[in-house]
Amino acid sequence: ITLPTFDGFYWTSQLRQVSDVPVIFVSA
């Protein structure tokens, strides 16, 4: 979730626009 630029929520939402690849979140 916490990443250097945008967070994991942002990247997953962007990814979902172009791919249905499975995503597993890991976070503290």
mmCIF file of all heavy atoms, coordinates in Angstrom:
data_MODEL
# 
_entry.id   MODEL 
# 
loop_
_atom_site.group_PDB 
_atom_site.id 
_atom_site.type_symbol 
_atom_site.label_atom_id 
_atom_site.label_alt_id 
_atom_site.label_comp_id 
_atom_site.label_asym_id 
_atom_site.label_entity_id 
_atom_site.label_seq_id 
_atom_site.pdbx_PDB_ins_code 
_atom_site.Cartn_x 
_atom_site.Cartn_y 
_atom_site.Cartn_z 
_atom_site.occupancy 
_atom_site.B_iso_or_equiv 
_atom_site.pdbx_formal_charge 
_atom_site.auth_seq_id 
_atom_site.auth_comp_id 
_atom_site.auth_asym_id 
_atom_site.auth_atom_id 
_atom_site.pdbx_PDB_model_num 
ATOM 1   N N   . ILE A 1 1  ? 0.830  -1.208  0.000   1.00 0.00 ? 1  ILE A N   1 
ATOM 2   C CA  . ILE A 1 1  ? 0.000  0.000   0.000   1.00 0.00 ? 1  ILE A CA  1 
ATOM 3   C C   . ILE A 1 1  ? 0.861  1.252   0.000   1.00 0.00 ? 1  ILE A C   1 
ATOM 4   O O   . ILE A 1 1  ? 0.726  2.129   -0.849  1.00 0.00 ? 1  ILE A O   1 
ATOM 5   C CB  . ILE A 1 1  ? -0.955 0.014   1.209   1.00 0.00 ? 1  ILE A CB  1 
ATOM 6   C CG1 . ILE A 1 1  ? -2.015 -1.074  1.047   1.00 0.00 ? 1  ILE A CG1 1 
ATOM 7   C CG2 . ILE A 1 1  ? -1.630 1.389   1.338   1.00 0.00 ? 1  ILE A CG2 1 
ATOM 8   C CD1 . ILE A 1 1  ? -3.023 -1.119  2.183   1.00 0.00 ? 1  ILE A CD1 1 
ATOM 9   N N   . THR A 1 2  ? 1.790  1.357   0.952   1.00 0.00 ? 2  THR A N   1 
ATOM 10  C CA  . THR A 1 2  ? 2.634  2.546   1.063   1.00 0.00 ? 2  THR A CA  1 
ATOM 11  C C   . THR A 1 2  ? 3.846  2.400   0.153   1.00 0.00 ? 2  THR A C   1 
ATOM 12  O O   . THR A 1 2  ? 4.702  1.545   0.384   1.00 0.00 ? 2  THR A O   1 
ATOM 13  C CB  . THR A 1 2  ? 3.090  2.753   2.517   1.00 0.00 ? 2  THR A CB  1 
ATOM 14  O OG1 . THR A 1 2  ? 1.938  2.804   3.362   1.00 0.00 ? 2  THR A OG1 1 
ATOM 15  C CG2 . THR A 1 2  ? 3.877  4.044   2.655   1.00 0.00 ? 2  THR A CG2 1 
ATOM 16  N N   . LEU A 1 3  ? 3.921  3.234   -0.871  1.00 0.00 ? 3  LEU A N   1 
ATOM 17  C CA  . LEU A 1 3  ? 4.970  3.137   -1.887  1.00 0.00 ? 3  LEU A CA  1 
ATOM 18  C C   . LEU A 1 3  ? 5.622  4.497   -2.126  1.00 0.00 ? 3  LEU A C   1 
ATOM 19  O O   . LEU A 1 3  ? 5.076  5.530   -1.698  1.00 0.00 ? 3  LEU A O   1 
ATOM 20  C CB  . LEU A 1 3  ? 4.378  2.594   -3.192  1.00 0.00 ? 3  LEU A CB  1 
ATOM 21  C CG  . LEU A 1 3  ? 3.762  1.188   -3.105  1.00 0.00 ? 3  LEU A CG  1 
ATOM 22  C CD1 . LEU A 1 3  ? 2.954  0.870   -4.353  1.00 0.00 ? 3  LEU A CD1 1 
ATOM 23  C CD2 . LEU A 1 3  ? 4.854  0.149   -2.890  1.00 0.00 ? 3  LEU A CD2 1 
ATOM 24  N N   . PRO A 1 4  ? 6.774  4.540   -2.800  1.00 0.00 ? 4  PRO A N   1 
ATOM 25  C CA  . PRO A 1 4  ? 7.523  5.795   -2.968  1.00 0.00 ? 4  PRO A CA  1 
ATOM 26  C C   . PRO A 1 4  ? 6.772  6.916   -3.679  1.00 0.00 ? 4  PRO A C   1 
ATOM 27  O O   . PRO A 1 4  ? 6.921  8.085   -3.332  1.00 0.00 ? 4  PRO A O   1 
ATOM 28  C CB  . PRO A 1 4  ? 8.749  5.354   -3.785  1.00 0.00 ? 4  PRO A CB  1 
ATOM 29  C CG  . PRO A 1 4  ? 8.923  3.922   -3.425  1.00 0.00 ? 4  PRO A CG  1 
ATOM 30  C CD  . PRO A 1 4  ? 7.542  3.379   -3.282  1.00 0.00 ? 4  PRO A CD  1 
ATOM 31  N N   . THR A 1 5  ? 5.980  6.595   -4.696  1.00 0.00 ? 5  THR A N   1 
ATOM 32  C CA  . THR A 1 5  ? 5.265  7.650   -5.425  1.00 0.00 ? 5  THR A CA  1 
ATOM 33  C C   . THR A 1 5  ? 3.784  7.576   -5.070  1.00 0.00 ? 5  THR A C   1 
ATOM 34  O O   . THR A 1 5  ? 3.372  8.020   -4.028  1.00 0.00 ? 5  THR A O   1 
ATOM 35  C CB  . THR A 1 5  ? 5.480  7.501   -6.941  1.00 0.00 ? 5  THR A CB  1 
ATOM 36  O OG1 . THR A 1 5  ? 5.129  6.164   -7.343  1.00 0.00 ? 5  THR A OG1 1 
ATOM 37  C CG2 . THR A 1 5  ? 6.929  7.760   -7.306  1.00 0.00 ? 5  THR A CG2 1 
ATOM 38  N N   . PHE A 1 6  ? 2.980  6.991   -5.941  1.00 0.00 ? 6  PHE A N   1 
ATOM 39  C CA  . PHE A 1 6  ? 1.572  6.786   -5.638  1.00 0.00 ? 6  PHE A CA  1 
ATOM 40  C C   . PHE A 1 6  ? 1.408  5.511   -4.807  1.00 0.00 ? 6  PHE A C   1 
ATOM 41  O O   . PHE A 1 6  ? 2.256  4.630   -4.831  1.00 0.00 ? 6  PHE A O   1 
ATOM 42  C CB  . PHE A 1 6  ? 0.766  6.674   -6.936  1.00 0.00 ? 6  PHE A CB  1 
ATOM 43  C CG  . PHE A 1 6  ? 0.867  7.894   -7.805  1.00 0.00 ? 6  PHE A CG  1 
ATOM 44  C CD1 . PHE A 1 6  ? 1.695  7.914   -8.914  1.00 0.00 ? 6  PHE A CD1 1 
ATOM 45  C CD2 . PHE A 1 6  ? 0.128  9.036   -7.502  1.00 0.00 ? 6  PHE A CD2 1 
ATOM 46  C CE1 . PHE A 1 6  ? 1.794  9.045   -9.723  1.00 0.00 ? 6  PHE A CE1 1 
ATOM 47  C CE2 . PHE A 1 6  ? 0.216  10.171  -8.301  1.00 0.00 ? 6  PHE A CE2 1 
ATOM 48  C CZ  . PHE A 1 6  ? 1.045  10.181  -9.415  1.00 0.00 ? 6  PHE A CZ  1 
ATOM 49  N N   . ASP A 1 7  ? 0.306  5.417   -4.069  1.00 0.00 ? 7  ASP A N   1 
ATOM 50  C CA  . ASP A 1 7  ? 0.117  4.238   -3.228  1.00 0.00 ? 7  ASP A CA  1 
ATOM 51  C C   . ASP A 1 7  ? -0.446 3.057   -4.023  1.00 0.00 ? 7  ASP A C   1 
ATOM 52  O O   . ASP A 1 7  ? -0.771 3.175   -5.209  1.00 0.00 ? 7  ASP A O   1 
ATOM 53  C CB  . ASP A 1 7  ? -0.767 4.559   -2.023  1.00 0.00 ? 7  ASP A CB  1 
ATOM 54  C CG  . ASP A 1 7  ? -2.193 4.974   -2.396  1.00 0.00 ? 7  ASP A CG  1 
ATOM 55  O OD1 . ASP A 1 7  ? -2.654 4.628   -3.502  1.00 0.00 ? 7  ASP A OD1 1 
ATOM 56  O OD2 . ASP A 1 7  ? -2.852 5.644   -1.573  1.00 0.00 ? 7  ASP A OD2 1 
ATOM 57  N N   . GLY A 1 8  ? -0.532 1.915   -3.329  1.00 0.00 ? 8  GLY A N   1 
ATOM 58  C CA  . GLY A 1 8  ? -0.978 0.697   -3.999  1.00 0.00 ? 8  GLY A CA  1 
ATOM 59  C C   . GLY A 1 8  ? -2.402 0.763   -4.508  1.00 0.00 ? 8  GLY A C   1 
ATOM 60  O O   . GLY A 1 8  ? -2.752 0.121   -5.502  1.00 0.00 ? 8  GLY A O   1 
ATOM 61  N N   . PHE A 1 9  ? -3.257 1.551   -3.833  1.00 0.00 ? 9  PHE A N   1 
ATOM 62  C CA  . PHE A 1 9  ? -4.633 1.703   -4.283  1.00 0.00 ? 9  PHE A CA  1 
ATOM 63  C C   . PHE A 1 9  ? -4.663 2.380   -5.662  1.00 0.00 ? 9  PHE A C   1 
ATOM 64  O O   . PHE A 1 9  ? -5.414 1.980   -6.555  1.00 0.00 ? 9  PHE A O   1 
ATOM 65  C CB  . PHE A 1 9  ? -5.443 2.535   -3.292  1.00 0.00 ? 9  PHE A CB  1 
ATOM 66  C CG  . PHE A 1 9  ? -5.531 1.917   -1.918  1.00 0.00 ? 9  PHE A CG  1 
ATOM 67  C CD1 . PHE A 1 9  ? -5.100 2.611   -0.813  1.00 0.00 ? 9  PHE A CD1 1 
ATOM 68  C CD2 . PHE A 1 9  ? -6.055 0.641   -1.734  1.00 0.00 ? 9  PHE A CD2 1 
ATOM 69  C CE1 . PHE A 1 9  ? -5.183 2.055   0.457   1.00 0.00 ? 9  PHE A CE1 1 
ATOM 70  C CE2 . PHE A 1 9  ? -6.147 0.077   -0.477  1.00 0.00 ? 9  PHE A CE2 1 
ATOM 71  C CZ  . PHE A 1 9  ? -5.702 0.784   0.624   1.00 0.00 ? 9  PHE A CZ  1 
ATOM 72  N N   . TYR A 1 10 ? -3.823 3.412   -5.802  1.00 0.00 ? 10 TYR A N   1 
ATOM 73  C CA  . TYR A 1 10 ? -3.764 4.129   -7.080  1.00 0.00 ? 10 TYR A CA  1 
ATOM 74  C C   . TYR A 1 10 ? -3.300 3.202   -8.198  1.00 0.00 ? 10 TYR A C   1 
ATOM 75  O O   . TYR A 1 10 ? -3.942 3.126   -9.262  1.00 0.00 ? 10 TYR A O   1 
ATOM 76  C CB  . TYR A 1 10 ? -2.811 5.327   -6.974  1.00 0.00 ? 10 TYR A CB  1 
ATOM 77  C CG  . TYR A 1 10 ? -2.520 5.986   -8.304  1.00 0.00 ? 10 TYR A CG  1 
ATOM 78  C CD1 . TYR A 1 10 ? -3.379 6.929   -8.843  1.00 0.00 ? 10 TYR A CD1 1 
ATOM 79  C CD2 . TYR A 1 10 ? -1.377 5.631   -9.037  1.00 0.00 ? 10 TYR A CD2 1 
ATOM 80  C CE1 . TYR A 1 10 ? -3.118 7.515   -10.075 1.00 0.00 ? 10 TYR A CE1 1 
ATOM 81  C CE2 . TYR A 1 10 ? -1.106 6.210   -10.261 1.00 0.00 ? 10 TYR A CE2 1 
ATOM 82  C CZ  . TYR A 1 10 ? -1.984 7.150   -10.784 1.00 0.00 ? 10 TYR A CZ  1 
ATOM 83  O OH  . TYR A 1 10 ? -1.730 7.721   -12.013 1.00 0.00 ? 10 TYR A OH  1 
ATOM 84  N N   . TRP A 1 11 ? -2.180 2.487   -7.948  1.00 0.00 ? 11 TRP A N   1 
ATOM 85  C CA  . TRP A 1 11 ? -1.640 1.642   -9.012  1.00 0.00 ? 11 TRP A CA  1 
ATOM 86  C C   . TRP A 1 11 ? -2.591 0.505   -9.375  1.00 0.00 ? 11 TRP A C   1 
ATOM 87  O O   . TRP A 1 11 ? -2.697 0.115   -10.540 1.00 0.00 ? 11 TRP A O   1 
ATOM 88  C CB  . TRP A 1 11 ? -0.273 1.084   -8.606  1.00 0.00 ? 11 TRP A CB  1 
ATOM 89  C CG  . TRP A 1 11 ? 0.824  2.094   -8.610  1.00 0.00 ? 11 TRP A CG  1 
ATOM 90  C CD1 . TRP A 1 11 ? 1.616  2.475   -7.563  1.00 0.00 ? 11 TRP A CD1 1 
ATOM 91  C CD2 . TRP A 1 11 ? 1.260  2.885   -9.732  1.00 0.00 ? 11 TRP A CD2 1 
ATOM 92  N NE1 . TRP A 1 11 ? 2.507  3.450   -7.949  1.00 0.00 ? 11 TRP A NE1 1 
ATOM 93  C CE2 . TRP A 1 11 ? 2.314  3.708   -9.279  1.00 0.00 ? 11 TRP A CE2 1 
ATOM 94  C CE3 . TRP A 1 11 ? 0.859  2.971   -11.056 1.00 0.00 ? 11 TRP A CE3 1 
ATOM 95  C CZ2 . TRP A 1 11 ? 2.969  4.610   -10.118 1.00 0.00 ? 11 TRP A CZ2 1 
ATOM 96  C CZ3 . TRP A 1 11 ? 1.511  3.872   -11.898 1.00 0.00 ? 11 TRP A CZ3 1 
ATOM 97  C CH2 . TRP A 1 11 ? 2.550  4.671   -11.420 1.00 0.00 ? 11 TRP A CH2 1 
ATOM 98  N N   . THR A 1 12 ? -3.313 -0.014  -8.384  1.00 0.00 ? 12 THR A N   1 
ATOM 99  C CA  . THR A 1 12 ? -4.260 -1.085  -8.677  1.00 0.00 ? 12 THR A CA  1 
ATOM 100 C C   . THR A 1 12 ? -5.428 -0.563  -9.504  1.00 0.00 ? 12 THR A C   1 
ATOM 101 O O   . THR A 1 12 ? -5.882 -1.231  -10.448 1.00 0.00 ? 12 THR A O   1 
ATOM 102 C CB  . THR A 1 12 ? -4.793 -1.725  -7.377  1.00 0.00 ? 12 THR A CB  1 
ATOM 103 O OG1 . THR A 1 12 ? -3.689 -2.248  -6.635  1.00 0.00 ? 12 THR A OG1 1 
ATOM 104 C CG2 . THR A 1 12 ? -5.757 -2.862  -7.682  1.00 0.00 ? 12 THR A CG2 1 
ATOM 105 N N   . SER A 1 13 ? -5.906 0.618   -9.174  1.00 0.00 ? 13 SER A N   1 
ATOM 106 C CA  . SER A 1 13 ? -7.006 1.199   -9.959  1.00 0.00 ? 13 SER A CA  1 
ATOM 107 C C   . SER A 1 13 ? -6.561 1.477   -11.394 1.00 0.00 ? 13 SER A C   1 
ATOM 108 O O   . SER A 1 13 ? -7.330 1.271   -12.347 1.00 0.00 ? 13 SER A O   1 
ATOM 109 C CB  . SER A 1 13 ? -7.514 2.493   -9.314  1.00 0.00 ? 13 SER A CB  1 
ATOM 110 O OG  . SER A 1 13 ? -6.510 3.495   -9.308  1.00 0.00 ? 13 SER A OG  1 
ATOM 111 N N   . GLN A 1 14 ? -5.308 1.920   -11.563 1.00 0.00 ? 14 GLN A N   1 
ATOM 112 C CA  . GLN A 1 14 ? -4.768 2.144   -12.914 1.00 0.00 ? 14 GLN A CA  1 
ATOM 113 C C   . GLN A 1 14 ? -4.601 0.826   -13.660 1.00 0.00 ? 14 GLN A C   1 
ATOM 114 O O   . GLN A 1 14 ? -4.915 0.712   -14.850 1.00 0.00 ? 14 GLN A O   1 
ATOM 115 C CB  . GLN A 1 14 ? -3.418 2.867   -12.823 1.00 0.00 ? 14 GLN A CB  1 
ATOM 116 C CG  . GLN A 1 14 ? -3.490 4.285   -12.287 1.00 0.00 ? 14 GLN A CG  1 
ATOM 117 C CD  . GLN A 1 14 ? -4.293 5.202   -13.198 1.00 0.00 ? 14 GLN A CD  1 
ATOM 118 O OE1 . GLN A 1 14 ? -3.975 5.346   -14.385 1.00 0.00 ? 14 GLN A OE1 1 
ATOM 119 N NE2 . GLN A 1 14 ? -5.339 5.807   -12.658 1.00 0.00 ? 14 GLN A NE2 1 
ATOM 120 N N   . LEU A 1 15 ? -4.136 -0.181  -12.926 1.00 0.00 ? 15 LEU A N   1 
ATOM 121 C CA  . LEU A 1 15 ? -3.932 -1.498  -13.538 1.00 0.00 ? 15 LEU A CA  1 
ATOM 122 C C   . LEU A 1 15 ? -5.253 -2.095  -13.992 1.00 0.00 ? 15 LEU A C   1 
ATOM 123 O O   . LEU A 1 15 ? -5.325 -2.730  -15.051 1.00 0.00 ? 15 LEU A O   1 
ATOM 124 C CB  . LEU A 1 15 ? -3.240 -2.424  -12.530 1.00 0.00 ? 15 LEU A CB  1 
ATOM 125 C CG  . LEU A 1 15 ? -2.934 -3.851  -12.992 1.00 0.00 ? 15 LEU A CG  1 
ATOM 126 C CD1 . LEU A 1 15 ? -1.953 -3.845  -14.165 1.00 0.00 ? 15 LEU A CD1 1 
ATOM 127 C CD2 . LEU A 1 15 ? -2.343 -4.661  -11.830 1.00 0.00 ? 15 LEU A CD2 1 
ATOM 128 N N   . ARG A 1 16 ? -6.301 -1.901  -13.193 1.00 0.00 ? 16 ARG A N   1 
ATOM 129 C CA  . ARG A 1 16 ? -7.597 -2.484  -13.517 1.00 0.00 ? 16 ARG A CA  1 
ATOM 130 C C   . ARG A 1 16 ? -8.206 -1.904  -14.802 1.00 0.00 ? 16 ARG A C   1 
ATOM 131 O O   . ARG A 1 16 ? -9.116 -2.491  -15.388 1.00 0.00 ? 16 ARG A O   1 
ATOM 132 C CB  . ARG A 1 16 ? -8.561 -2.300  -12.350 1.00 0.00 ? 16 ARG A CB  1 
ATOM 133 C CG  . ARG A 1 16 ? -8.346 -3.325  -11.247 1.00 0.00 ? 16 ARG A CG  1 
ATOM 134 C CD  . ARG A 1 16 ? -8.734 -4.733  -11.751 1.00 0.00 ? 16 ARG A CD  1 
ATOM 135 N NE  . ARG A 1 16 ? -8.312 -5.789  -10.826 1.00 0.00 ? 16 ARG A NE  1 
ATOM 136 C CZ  . ARG A 1 16 ? -7.247 -6.543  -11.001 1.00 0.00 ? 16 ARG A CZ  1 
ATOM 137 N NH1 . ARG A 1 16 ? -6.464 -6.347  -12.062 1.00 0.00 ? 16 ARG A NH1 1 
ATOM 138 N NH2 . ARG A 1 16 ? -6.938 -7.490  -10.152 1.00 0.00 ? 16 ARG A NH2 1 
ATOM 139 N N   . GLN A 1 17 ? -7.708 -0.768  -15.250 1.00 0.00 ? 17 GLN A N   1 
ATOM 140 C CA  . GLN A 1 17 ? -8.199 -0.177  -16.483 1.00 0.00 ? 17 GLN A CA  1 
ATOM 141 C C   . GLN A 1 17 ? -7.668 -0.904  -17.719 1.00 0.00 ? 17 GLN A C   1 
ATOM 142 O O   . GLN A 1 17 ? -8.256 -0.808  -18.802 1.00 0.00 ? 17 GLN A O   1 
ATOM 143 C CB  . GLN A 1 17 ? -7.812 1.303   -16.561 1.00 0.00 ? 17 GLN A CB  1 
ATOM 144 C CG  . GLN A 1 17 ? -8.444 2.163   -15.486 1.00 0.00 ? 17 GLN A CG  1 
ATOM 145 C CD  . GLN A 1 17 ? -8.027 3.615   -15.584 1.00 0.00 ? 17 GLN A CD  1 
ATOM 146 O OE1 . GLN A 1 17 ? -7.688 4.116   -16.666 1.00 0.00 ? 17 GLN A OE1 1 
ATOM 147 N NE2 . GLN A 1 17 ? -8.057 4.327   -14.457 1.00 0.00 ? 17 GLN A NE2 1 
ATOM 148 N N   . VAL A 1 18 ? -6.566 -1.665  -17.524 1.00 0.00 ? 18 VAL A N   1 
ATOM 149 C CA  . VAL A 1 18 ? -5.939 -2.309  -18.680 1.00 0.00 ? 18 VAL A CA  1 
ATOM 150 C C   . VAL A 1 18 ? -5.711 -3.804  -18.498 1.00 0.00 ? 18 VAL A C   1 
ATOM 151 O O   . VAL A 1 18 ? -5.294 -4.489  -19.435 1.00 0.00 ? 18 VAL A O   1 
ATOM 152 C CB  . VAL A 1 18 ? -4.587 -1.637  -19.015 1.00 0.00 ? 18 VAL A CB  1 
ATOM 153 C CG1 . VAL A 1 18 ? -4.804 -0.194  -19.449 1.00 0.00 ? 18 VAL A CG1 1 
ATOM 154 C CG2 . VAL A 1 18 ? -3.643 -1.694  -17.814 1.00 0.00 ? 18 VAL A CG2 1 
ATOM 155 N N   . SER A 1 19 ? -5.954 -4.333  -17.269 1.00 0.00 ? 19 SER A N   1 
ATOM 156 C CA  . SER A 1 19 ? -5.645 -5.745  -17.030 1.00 0.00 ? 19 SER A CA  1 
ATOM 157 C C   . SER A 1 19 ? -6.518 -6.310  -15.907 1.00 0.00 ? 19 SER A C   1 
ATOM 158 O O   . SER A 1 19 ? -6.908 -5.594  -14.988 1.00 0.00 ? 19 SER A O   1 
ATOM 159 C CB  . SER A 1 19 ? -4.169 -5.898  -16.650 1.00 0.00 ? 19 SER A CB  1 
ATOM 160 O OG  . SER A 1 19 ? -3.869 -7.218  -16.259 1.00 0.00 ? 19 SER A OG  1 
ATOM 161 N N   . ASP A 1 20 ? -6.794 -7.624  -16.007 1.00 0.00 ? 20 ASP A N   1 
ATOM 162 C CA  . ASP A 1 20 ? -7.535 -8.308  -14.943 1.00 0.00 ? 20 ASP A CA  1 
ATOM 163 C C   . ASP A 1 20 ? -6.624 -9.252  -14.164 1.00 0.00 ? 20 ASP A C   1 
ATOM 164 O O   . ASP A 1 20 ? -7.084 -10.171 -13.490 1.00 0.00 ? 20 ASP A O   1 
ATOM 165 C CB  . ASP A 1 20 ? -8.718 -9.090  -15.526 1.00 0.00 ? 20 ASP A CB  1 
ATOM 166 C CG  . ASP A 1 20 ? -8.267 -10.207 -16.467 1.00 0.00 ? 20 ASP A CG  1 
ATOM 167 O OD1 . ASP A 1 20 ? -7.068 -10.248 -16.834 1.00 0.00 ? 20 ASP A OD1 1 
ATOM 168 O OD2 . ASP A 1 20 ? -9.117 -11.043 -16.844 1.00 0.00 ? 20 ASP A OD2 1 
ATOM 169 N N   . VAL A 1 21 ? -5.309 -9.035  -14.242 1.00 0.00 ? 21 VAL A N   1 
ATOM 170 C CA  . VAL A 1 21 ? -4.356 -9.878  -13.535 1.00 0.00 ? 21 VAL A CA  1 
ATOM 171 C C   . VAL A 1 21 ? -4.667 -9.853  -12.034 1.00 0.00 ? 21 VAL A C   1 
ATOM 172 O O   . VAL A 1 21 ? -4.956 -8.792  -11.474 1.00 0.00 ? 21 VAL A O   1 
ATOM 173 C CB  . VAL A 1 21 ? -2.902 -9.419  -13.787 1.00 0.00 ? 21 VAL A CB  1 
ATOM 174 C CG1 . VAL A 1 21 ? -2.680 -7.992  -13.319 1.00 0.00 ? 21 VAL A CG1 1 
ATOM 175 C CG2 . VAL A 1 21 ? -1.912 -10.367 -13.112 1.00 0.00 ? 21 VAL A CG2 1 
ATOM 176 N N   . PRO A 1 22 ? -4.664 -11.001 -11.340 1.00 0.00 ? 22 PRO A N   1 
ATOM 177 C CA  . PRO A 1 22 ? -4.959 -11.038 -9.900  1.00 0.00 ? 22 PRO A CA  1 
ATOM 178 C C   . PRO A 1 22 ? -3.954 -10.198 -9.100  1.00 0.00 ? 22 PRO A C   1 
ATOM 179 O O   . PRO A 1 22 ? -2.763 -10.162 -9.424  1.00 0.00 ? 22 PRO A O   1 
ATOM 180 C CB  . PRO A 1 22 ? -4.833 -12.523 -9.551  1.00 0.00 ? 22 PRO A CB  1 
ATOM 181 C CG  . PRO A 1 22 ? -5.080 -13.241 -10.831 1.00 0.00 ? 22 PRO A CG  1 
ATOM 182 C CD  . PRO A 1 22 ? -4.486 -12.365 -11.891 1.00 0.00 ? 22 PRO A CD  1 
ATOM 183 N N   . VAL A 1 23 ? -4.448 -9.561  -8.058  1.00 0.00 ? 23 VAL A N   1 
ATOM 184 C CA  . VAL A 1 23 ? -3.619 -8.716  -7.184  1.00 0.00 ? 23 VAL A CA  1 
ATOM 185 C C   . VAL A 1 23 ? -3.843 -9.122  -5.731  1.00 0.00 ? 23 VAL A C   1 
ATOM 186 O O   . VAL A 1 23 ? -4.983 -9.225  -5.284  1.00 0.00 ? 23 VAL A O   1 
ATOM 187 C CB  . VAL A 1 23 ? -3.959 -7.221  -7.349  1.00 0.00 ? 23 VAL A CB  1 
ATOM 188 C CG1 . VAL A 1 23 ? -3.141 -6.383  -6.361  1.00 0.00 ? 23 VAL A CG1 1 
ATOM 189 C CG2 . VAL A 1 23 ? -3.701 -6.768  -8.782  1.00 0.00 ? 23 VAL A CG2 1 
ATOM 190 N N   . ILE A 1 24 ? -2.743 -9.366  -5.011  1.00 0.00 ? 24 ILE A N   1 
ATOM 191 C CA  . ILE A 1 24 ? -2.807 -9.611  -3.572  1.00 0.00 ? 24 ILE A CA  1 
ATOM 192 C C   . ILE A 1 24 ? -2.127 -8.448  -2.869  1.00 0.00 ? 24 ILE A C   1 
ATOM 193 O O   . ILE A 1 24 ? -0.958 -8.161  -3.117  1.00 0.00 ? 24 ILE A O   1 
ATOM 194 C CB  . ILE A 1 24 ? -2.104 -10.930 -3.184  1.00 0.00 ? 24 ILE A CB  1 
ATOM 195 C CG1 . ILE A 1 24 ? -2.851 -12.132 -3.770  1.00 0.00 ? 24 ILE A CG1 1 
ATOM 196 C CG2 . ILE A 1 24 ? -2.033 -11.060 -1.654  1.00 0.00 ? 24 ILE A CG2 1 
ATOM 197 C CD1 . ILE A 1 24 ? -2.211 -13.472 -3.425  1.00 0.00 ? 24 ILE A CD1 1 
ATOM 198 N N   . PHE A 1 25 ? -2.854 -7.755  -1.998  1.00 0.00 ? 25 PHE A N   1 
ATOM 199 C CA  . PHE A 1 25 ? -2.290 -6.641  -1.243  1.00 0.00 ? 25 PHE A CA  1 
ATOM 200 C C   . PHE A 1 25 ? -1.533 -7.160  -0.025  1.00 0.00 ? 25 PHE A C   1 
ATOM 201 O O   . PHE A 1 25 ? -1.971 -8.110  0.637   1.00 0.00 ? 25 PHE A O   1 
ATOM 202 C CB  . PHE A 1 25 ? -3.401 -5.709  -0.765  1.00 0.00 ? 25 PHE A CB  1 
ATOM 203 C CG  . PHE A 1 25 ? -3.665 -4.546  -1.685  1.00 0.00 ? 25 PHE A CG  1 
ATOM 204 C CD1 . PHE A 1 25 ? -4.426 -4.704  -2.827  1.00 0.00 ? 25 PHE A CD1 1 
ATOM 205 C CD2 . PHE A 1 25 ? -3.144 -3.297  -1.400  1.00 0.00 ? 25 PHE A CD2 1 
ATOM 206 C CE1 . PHE A 1 25 ? -4.675 -3.646  -3.672  1.00 0.00 ? 25 PHE A CE1 1 
ATOM 207 C CE2 . PHE A 1 25 ? -3.384 -2.228  -2.242  1.00 0.00 ? 25 PHE A CE2 1 
ATOM 208 C CZ  . PHE A 1 25 ? -4.147 -2.382  -3.384  1.00 0.00 ? 25 PHE A CZ  1 
ATOM 209 N N   . VAL A 1 26 ? -0.389 -6.547  0.279   1.00 0.00 ? 26 VAL A N   1 
ATOM 210 C CA  . VAL A 1 26 ? 0.329  -6.799  1.523   1.00 0.00 ? 26 VAL A CA  1 
ATOM 211 C C   . VAL A 1 26 ? 0.593  -5.447  2.169   1.00 0.00 ? 26 VAL A C   1 
ATOM 212 O O   . VAL A 1 26 ? 1.051  -4.521  1.515   1.00 0.00 ? 26 VAL A O   1 
ATOM 213 C CB  . VAL A 1 26 ? 1.662  -7.554  1.298   1.00 0.00 ? 26 VAL A CB  1 
ATOM 214 C CG1 . VAL A 1 26 ? 1.403  -8.961  0.810   1.00 0.00 ? 26 VAL A CG1 1 
ATOM 215 C CG2 . VAL A 1 26 ? 2.556  -6.825  0.314   1.00 0.00 ? 26 VAL A CG2 1 
ATOM 216 N N   . SER A 1 27 ? 0.291  -5.336  3.449   1.00 0.00 ? 27 SER A N   1 
ATOM 217 C CA  . SER A 1 27 ? 0.470  -4.053  4.105   1.00 0.00 ? 27 SER A CA  1 
ATOM 218 C C   . SER A 1 27 ? 0.565  -4.207  5.610   1.00 0.00 ? 27 SER A C   1 
ATOM 219 O O   . SER A 1 27 ? 0.006  -5.138  6.189   1.00 0.00 ? 27 SER A O   1 
ATOM 220 C CB  . SER A 1 27 ? -0.702 -3.121  3.773   1.00 0.00 ? 27 SER A CB  1 
ATOM 221 O OG  . SER A 1 27 ? -0.592 -1.915  4.500   1.00 0.00 ? 27 SER A OG  1 
ATOM 222 N N   . ALA A 1 28 ? 1.272  -3.273  6.243   1.00 0.00 ? 28 ALA A N   1 
ATOM 223 C CA  . ALA A 1 28 ? 1.370  -3.254  7.700   1.00 0.00 ? 28 ALA A CA  1 
ATOM 224 C C   . ALA A 1 28 ? 0.144  -2.602  8.310   1.00 0.00 ? 28 ALA A C   1 
ATOM 225 O O   . ALA A 1 28 ? -0.054 -2.638  9.515   1.00 0.00 ? 28 ALA A O   1 
ATOM 226 C CB  . ALA A 1 28 ? 2.625  -2.499  8.127   1.00 0.00 ? 28 ALA A CB  1 
# 
